[in-house]
Amino acid sequence: MSEPEKSAADELKEAVWEWTQRVVVALVLFGGGILAAWFMWGDAAQLRQTNKELQDQVVDLKNQRETLNTRIAREARDKEVCIRDLREAKKAGGPAAAPAPAPEG
């Protein structure tokens, strides 16, 4: 018993139906993947919290860096003042000259 001959219209209908099934299956699989990804990472509450903590840490480190740069600049300025006062004291009276006043701070 062999299959009866199919008309061109019947073959076209079967081909369209077959491709429709393939497209539907592909869309279901793709939609399922999107849904699974949404459940795993969609809300990303943990990632937002981690990101906020890291951003806060970056801000704190930038503030610390700025504070340290300010301290370094102040110390360099004080050093230049001390060197200048030392030179003036050596010119004025040698080793017997009065010591410069200690800076307050």
Protein backbone atom coordinates (compact mmCIF):
# COMPACT_ATOMS: atom_id res chain seq x y z
CA MET A 1 0.00 0.00 0.00
CA SER A 2 1.66 3.15 -1.15
CA GLU A 3 0.66 6.66 -0.32
CA PRO A 4 -1.77 8.17 -2.70
CA GLU A 5 -0.46 10.95 -4.90
CA LYS A 6 -0.86 14.34 -3.25
CA SER A 7 -1.86 17.35 -5.18
CA ALA A 8 0.31 20.45 -5.22
CA ALA A 9 -2.22 22.25 -3.04
CA ASP A 10 -2.07 19.51 -0.41
CA GLU A 11 1.75 19.55 -0.42
CA LEU A 12 1.71 23.33 -0.04
CA LYS A 13 -0.73 23.08 2.89
CA GLU A 14 1.47 20.48 4.59
CA ALA A 15 4.62 22.56 4.05
CA VAL A 16 2.94 25.67 5.45
CA TRP A 17 1.61 23.70 8.42
CA GLU A 18 5.05 22.16 9.05
CA TRP A 19 6.78 25.56 9.01
CA THR A 20 4.04 27.04 11.20
CA GLN A 21 4.67 24.31 13.75
CA ARG A 22 8.42 24.97 13.64
CA VAL A 23 7.93 28.71 14.12
CA VAL A 24 5.52 28.15 17.02
CA VAL A 25 7.92 25.74 18.73
CA ALA A 26 10.83 28.19 18.23
CA LEU A 27 8.77 31.07 19.66
CA VAL A 28 7.71 28.98 22.67
CA LEU A 29 11.33 28.00 23.36
CA PHE A 30 12.53 31.58 22.93
CA GLY A 31 9.73 32.90 25.17
CA GLY A 32 10.53 30.27 27.78
CA GLY A 33 14.17 31.33 27.74
CA ILE A 34 13.20 34.98 28.16
CA LEU A 35 10.87 34.05 31.03
CA ALA A 36 13.54 31.97 32.74
CA ALA A 37 16.05 34.79 32.36
CA TRP A 38 13.55 37.26 33.80
CA PHE A 39 13.00 35.07 36.84
CA MET A 40 16.74 34.67 37.35
CA TRP A 41 18.00 38.19 36.61
CA GLY A 42 15.05 40.38 35.70
CA ASP A 43 14.55 42.15 38.99
CA ALA A 44 18.26 42.11 39.85
CA ALA A 45 17.68 43.43 43.37
CA GLN A 46 20.94 41.93 44.60
CA LEU A 47 22.86 43.47 41.70
CA ARG A 48 21.34 46.90 42.36
CA GLN A 49 22.30 46.65 46.03
CA THR A 50 25.85 45.58 45.17
CA ASN A 51 26.11 48.37 42.62
CA LYS A 52 24.96 50.95 45.18
CA GLU A 53 27.48 49.68 47.74
CA LEU A 54 30.28 49.82 45.19
CA GLN A 55 29.29 53.34 44.11
CA ASP A 56 29.28 54.45 47.75
CA GLN A 57 32.71 52.89 48.20
CA VAL A 58 34.00 54.74 45.14
CA VAL A 59 32.69 58.03 46.52
CA ASP A 60 34.31 57.35 49.90
CA LEU A 61 37.64 56.49 48.27
CA LYS A 62 37.52 59.65 46.15
CA ASN A 63 36.86 61.72 49.28
CA GLN A 64 39.76 60.03 51.08
CA ARG A 65 42.04 60.67 48.10
CA GLU A 66 41.06 64.34 48.03
CA THR A 67 41.66 64.61 51.79
CA LEU A 68 45.09 63.01 51.47
CA ASN A 69 45.99 65.23 48.51
CA THR A 70 45.04 68.26 50.60
CA ARG A 71 47.17 67.04 53.49
CA ILE A 72 50.12 66.41 51.16
CA ALA A 73 49.80 69.91 49.69
CA ARG A 74 49.60 71.44 53.19
CA GLU A 75 52.66 69.48 54.35
CA ALA A 76 54.62 70.49 51.25
CA ARG A 77 53.70 74.14 51.88
CA ASP A 78 54.73 73.86 55.53
CA LYS A 79 57.99 72.22 54.49
CA GLU A 80 58.77 75.09 52.11
CA VAL A 81 58.03 77.59 54.88
CA CYS A 82 60.34 75.70 57.27
CA ILE A 83 63.12 75.54 54.68
CA ARG A 84 62.75 79.25 53.97
CA ASP A 85 62.80 80.10 57.70
CA LEU A 86 65.87 77.87 58.17
CA ARG A 87 67.73 79.69 55.37
CA GLU A 88 66.79 83.08 56.81
CA ALA A 89 67.91 81.98 60.26
CA LYS A 90 71.26 80.75 58.92
CA LYS A 91 71.79 84.03 57.07
CA ALA A 92 70.81 86.12 60.07
CA GLY A 93 72.93 84.65 62.80
CA GLY A 94 74.30 81.23 62.07
CA PRO A 95 73.83 78.34 64.47
CA ALA A 96 73.21 80.64 67.45
CA ALA A 97 70.09 82.10 65.89
CA ALA A 98 66.80 81.67 67.71
CA PRO A 99 64.72 78.72 66.56
CA ALA A 100 61.63 79.43 64.51
CA PRO A 101 58.32 79.18 66.42
CA ALA A 102 56.65 75.80 66.24
CA PRO A 103 53.60 75.76 63.99
CA GLU A 104 50.25 75.34 65.68
CA GLY A 105 48.14 72.50 64.57
